[in-house]
Amino acid sequence: MKLKIEVTAEHIREGTPSDTSSCAVALAIKQALPKVYEVEVDDMISFKDEEGYRNTAELSDEVKKFMDRFDNNEPVEPISFETDAYTREP
């Protein structure tokens, strides 16, 4: 599954630094994929789909740098990215 994620100024404003389920990137994923749950973002993206299957996706170095800056309360600008999610067993 190809994920197209757009982290907006609102996600940045509303996100919680260092919170894997409420950071700016997690909020953007929840908006882009409203039917998924248990969204967590750290070194990779992880979420469960509608059928309860765990999906994971890699993050680019650019997104990881964005997250590091966000988590350290440094200024960040909106960002968009694409990645592929892989399904694992429930």
N, C-alpha and C. Protein backbone atom coordinates (compact mmCIF):
# COMPACT_ATOMS: atom_id res chain seq x y z
N MET A 1 0.84 -1.16 0.00
CA MET A 1 0.00 0.00 0.00
C MET A 1 0.90 1.24 0.00
N LYS A 2 0.67 2.14 -0.93
CA LYS A 2 1.43 3.38 -1.01
C LYS A 2 0.76 4.41 -0.10
N LEU A 3 1.55 5.01 0.80
CA LEU A 3 1.05 6.05 1.68
C LEU A 3 1.52 7.41 1.18
N LYS A 4 0.60 8.34 1.07
CA LYS A 4 0.94 9.73 0.72
C LYS A 4 0.52 10.57 1.91
N ILE A 5 1.51 11.10 2.61
CA ILE A 5 1.27 11.81 3.86
C ILE A 5 1.67 13.27 3.71
N GLU A 6 0.80 14.16 4.16
CA GLU A 6 1.08 15.59 4.14
C GLU A 6 0.96 16.12 5.57
N VAL A 7 2.07 16.52 6.13
CA VAL A 7 2.10 17.10 7.47
C VAL A 7 1.91 18.61 7.30
N THR A 8 0.79 19.12 7.80
CA THR A 8 0.43 20.52 7.62
C THR A 8 0.86 21.36 8.83
N ALA A 9 0.70 22.66 8.69
CA ALA A 9 0.97 23.57 9.80
C ALA A 9 0.06 23.24 10.99
N GLU A 10 -1.17 22.83 10.71
CA GLU A 10 -2.09 22.46 11.79
C GLU A 10 -1.59 21.23 12.55
N HIS A 11 -1.10 20.22 11.83
CA HIS A 11 -0.53 19.04 12.49
C HIS A 11 0.64 19.43 13.39
N ILE A 12 1.48 20.33 12.88
CA ILE A 12 2.63 20.79 13.65
C ILE A 12 2.17 21.52 14.90
N ARG A 13 1.18 22.39 14.75
CA ARG A 13 0.66 23.16 15.87
C ARG A 13 -0.02 22.28 16.91
N GLU A 14 -0.79 21.28 16.46
CA GLU A 14 -1.58 20.43 17.35
C GLU A 14 -0.82 19.21 17.86
N GLY A 15 0.29 18.86 17.21
CA GLY A 15 1.04 17.67 17.59
C GLY A 15 1.77 17.82 18.91
N THR A 16 2.05 16.68 19.53
CA THR A 16 2.77 16.64 20.80
C THR A 16 4.16 16.08 20.56
N PRO A 17 5.20 16.89 20.80
CA PRO A 17 6.57 16.38 20.61
C PRO A 17 6.84 15.15 21.47
N SER A 18 7.60 14.23 20.91
CA SER A 18 8.04 13.00 21.60
C SER A 18 6.90 12.07 21.99
N ASP A 19 5.74 12.24 21.40
CA ASP A 19 4.60 11.34 21.65
C ASP A 19 4.35 10.56 20.37
N THR A 20 4.66 9.27 20.38
CA THR A 20 4.62 8.46 19.16
C THR A 20 3.23 8.37 18.54
N SER A 21 2.16 8.59 19.31
CA SER A 21 0.82 8.48 18.76
C SER A 21 0.14 9.83 18.54
N SER A 22 0.80 10.91 18.96
CA SER A 22 0.19 12.24 18.80
C SER A 22 1.15 13.28 18.23
N CYS A 23 2.28 12.84 17.68
CA CYS A 23 3.20 13.80 17.07
C CYS A 23 2.59 14.30 15.75
N ALA A 24 3.22 15.29 15.15
CA ALA A 24 2.69 15.87 13.92
C ALA A 24 2.53 14.82 12.81
N VAL A 25 3.50 13.93 12.68
CA VAL A 25 3.43 12.90 11.63
C VAL A 25 2.29 11.91 11.92
N ALA A 26 2.13 11.51 13.17
CA ALA A 26 1.03 10.60 13.53
C ALA A 26 -0.33 11.24 13.24
N LEU A 27 -0.48 12.52 13.56
CA LEU A 27 -1.75 13.21 13.27
C LEU A 27 -2.01 13.25 11.77
N ALA A 28 -0.97 13.47 10.98
CA ALA A 28 -1.13 13.50 9.52
C ALA A 28 -1.54 12.13 8.98
N ILE A 29 -0.98 11.07 9.54
CA ILE A 29 -1.35 9.71 9.11
C ILE A 29 -2.79 9.43 9.47
N LYS A 30 -3.21 9.81 10.66
CA LYS A 30 -4.59 9.59 11.08
C LYS A 30 -5.57 10.34 10.18
N GLN A 31 -5.18 11.52 9.71
CA GLN A 31 -6.05 12.27 8.80
C GLN A 31 -6.07 11.63 7.42
N ALA A 32 -4.91 11.19 6.94
CA ALA A 32 -4.83 10.59 5.60
C ALA A 32 -5.49 9.22 5.55
N LEU A 33 -5.46 8.49 6.67
CA LEU A 33 -6.00 7.13 6.74
C LEU A 33 -6.97 7.03 7.92
N PRO A 34 -8.16 7.62 7.80
CA PRO A 34 -9.05 7.72 8.96
C PRO A 34 -9.57 6.39 9.50
N LYS A 35 -9.43 5.31 8.77
CA LYS A 35 -9.95 4.02 9.24
C LYS A 35 -8.90 3.17 9.95
N VAL A 36 -7.68 3.68 10.08
CA VAL A 36 -6.65 2.92 10.79
C VAL A 36 -6.62 3.34 12.26
N TYR A 37 -6.00 2.51 13.08
CA TYR A 37 -5.91 2.81 14.51
C TYR A 37 -4.58 2.30 15.05
N GLU A 38 -4.32 2.61 16.31
CA GLU A 38 -3.03 2.29 16.95
C GLU A 38 -1.86 2.79 16.10
N VAL A 39 -1.98 4.05 15.67
CA VAL A 39 -0.91 4.68 14.89
C VAL A 39 0.23 5.06 15.83
N GLU A 40 1.44 4.65 15.47
CA GLU A 40 2.64 5.03 16.21
C GLU A 40 3.75 5.35 15.22
N VAL A 41 4.49 6.38 15.55
CA VAL A 41 5.60 6.80 14.69
C VAL A 41 6.83 6.98 15.56
N ASP A 42 7.88 6.23 15.26
CA ASP A 42 9.18 6.43 15.89
C ASP A 42 10.23 6.32 14.79
N ASP A 43 11.00 5.26 14.73
CA ASP A 43 11.93 5.08 13.62
C ASP A 43 11.22 4.59 12.36
N MET A 44 9.98 4.18 12.52
CA MET A 44 9.14 3.76 11.40
C MET A 44 7.69 4.06 11.75
N ILE A 45 6.81 3.88 10.79
CA ILE A 45 5.37 4.04 10.99
C ILE A 45 4.77 2.67 11.28
N SER A 46 3.84 2.63 12.21
CA SER A 46 3.15 1.39 12.53
C SER A 46 1.68 1.72 12.80
N PHE A 47 0.77 0.92 12.23
CA PHE A 47 -0.65 1.10 12.48
C PHE A 47 -1.40 -0.18 12.18
N LYS A 48 -2.61 -0.28 12.70
CA LYS A 48 -3.48 -1.42 12.37
C LYS A 48 -4.54 -0.95 11.39
N ASP A 49 -4.81 -1.80 10.39
CA ASP A 49 -5.83 -1.46 9.41
C ASP A 49 -7.20 -1.92 9.90
N GLU A 50 -8.21 -1.70 9.08
CA GLU A 50 -9.60 -2.03 9.44
C GLU A 50 -9.78 -3.49 9.85
N GLU A 51 -8.98 -4.37 9.29
CA GLU A 51 -9.11 -5.80 9.57
C GLU A 51 -8.25 -6.25 10.74
N GLY A 52 -7.56 -5.31 11.38
CA GLY A 52 -6.74 -5.64 12.54
C GLY A 52 -5.33 -6.07 12.22
N TYR A 53 -4.93 -5.95 10.96
CA TYR A 53 -3.57 -6.32 10.58
C TYR A 53 -2.61 -5.17 10.85
N ARG A 54 -1.46 -5.49 11.42
CA ARG A 54 -0.42 -4.51 11.69
C ARG A 54 0.30 -4.19 10.39
N ASN A 55 0.45 -2.91 10.09
CA ASN A 55 1.15 -2.43 8.92
C ASN A 55 2.33 -1.59 9.37
N THR A 56 3.42 -1.68 8.66
CA THR A 56 4.59 -0.88 8.97
C THR A 56 5.11 -0.21 7.70
N ALA A 57 5.78 0.91 7.88
CA ALA A 57 6.36 1.62 6.75
C ALA A 57 7.64 2.30 7.20
N GLU A 58 8.60 2.34 6.32
CA GLU A 58 9.88 2.99 6.59
C GLU A 58 9.73 4.50 6.46
N LEU A 59 10.60 5.23 7.14
CA LEU A 59 10.65 6.68 7.03
C LEU A 59 11.98 7.08 6.39
N SER A 60 11.92 8.08 5.54
CA SER A 60 13.14 8.58 4.91
C SER A 60 13.96 9.36 5.94
N ASP A 61 15.21 9.58 5.62
CA ASP A 61 16.07 10.38 6.50
C ASP A 61 15.52 11.79 6.65
N GLU A 62 14.93 12.32 5.59
CA GLU A 62 14.35 13.67 5.64
C GLU A 62 13.23 13.74 6.68
N VAL A 63 12.36 12.73 6.70
CA VAL A 63 11.25 12.72 7.66
C VAL A 63 11.78 12.50 9.07
N LYS A 64 12.78 11.65 9.21
CA LYS A 64 13.38 11.43 10.54
C LYS A 64 13.99 12.72 11.08
N LYS A 65 14.64 13.51 10.21
CA LYS A 65 15.20 14.79 10.64
C LYS A 65 14.09 15.75 11.06
N PHE A 66 13.00 15.77 10.29
CA PHE A 66 11.84 16.59 10.65
C PHE A 66 11.36 16.21 12.05
N MET A 67 11.21 14.90 12.29
CA MET A 67 10.72 14.43 13.58
C MET A 67 11.67 14.79 14.72
N ASP A 68 12.97 14.65 14.49
CA ASP A 68 13.95 15.03 15.52
C ASP A 68 13.83 16.51 15.88
N ARG A 69 13.71 17.34 14.87
CA ARG A 69 13.56 18.78 15.11
C ARG A 69 12.24 19.04 15.85
N PHE A 70 11.17 18.42 15.42
CA PHE A 70 9.87 18.60 16.07
C PHE A 70 9.94 18.15 17.53
N ASP A 71 10.51 16.99 17.76
CA ASP A 71 10.60 16.45 19.12
C ASP A 71 11.47 17.31 20.05
N ASN A 72 12.40 18.05 19.46
CA ASN A 72 13.27 18.93 20.24
C ASN A 72 12.76 20.37 20.27
N ASN A 73 11.49 20.54 19.89
CA ASN A 73 10.83 21.87 19.89
C ASN A 73 11.56 22.90 19.04
N GLU A 74 12.20 22.42 17.97
CA GLU A 74 12.83 23.32 17.02
C GLU A 74 11.82 23.66 15.93
N PRO A 75 11.98 24.80 15.28
CA PRO A 75 11.03 25.17 14.22
C PRO A 75 11.07 24.18 13.06
N VAL A 76 9.90 23.81 12.57
CA VAL A 76 9.78 22.93 11.40
C VAL A 76 8.73 23.51 10.45
N GLU A 77 8.87 23.17 9.20
CA GLU A 77 7.93 23.58 8.17
C GLU A 77 7.11 22.37 7.74
N PRO A 78 5.91 22.59 7.19
CA PRO A 78 5.13 21.45 6.67
C PRO A 78 5.96 20.62 5.69
N ILE A 79 5.64 19.34 5.64
CA ILE A 79 6.39 18.40 4.80
C ILE A 79 5.40 17.38 4.24
N SER A 80 5.69 16.89 3.06
CA SER A 80 4.90 15.78 2.50
C SER A 80 5.85 14.70 2.05
N PHE A 81 5.37 13.45 2.12
CA PHE A 81 6.23 12.33 1.74
C PHE A 81 5.37 11.14 1.34
N GLU A 82 6.01 10.21 0.64
CA GLU A 82 5.37 8.96 0.26
C GLU A 82 6.23 7.81 0.77
N THR A 83 5.58 6.73 1.13
CA THR A 83 6.28 5.53 1.56
C THR A 83 5.38 4.33 1.32
N ASP A 84 5.95 3.15 1.33
CA ASP A 84 5.17 1.93 1.14
C ASP A 84 4.95 1.25 2.49
N ALA A 85 3.69 0.86 2.74
CA ALA A 85 3.36 0.14 3.98
C ALA A 85 3.30 -1.33 3.67
N TYR A 86 3.78 -2.13 4.62
CA TYR A 86 3.79 -3.58 4.47
C TYR A 86 2.94 -4.19 5.58
N THR A 87 2.07 -5.13 5.21
CA THR A 87 1.16 -5.75 6.15
C THR A 87 1.81 -6.97 6.79
N ARG A 88 1.59 -7.09 8.10
CA ARG A 88 2.04 -8.26 8.84
C ARG A 88 0.80 -8.91 9.46
N GLU A 89 0.98 -10.00 10.11
CA GLU A 89 -0.14 -10.71 10.73
C GLU A 89 -0.73 -9.87 11.87
N PRO A 90 -2.00 -10.15 12.23
CA PRO A 90 -2.64 -9.40 13.32
C PRO A 90 -1.98 -9.67 14.67
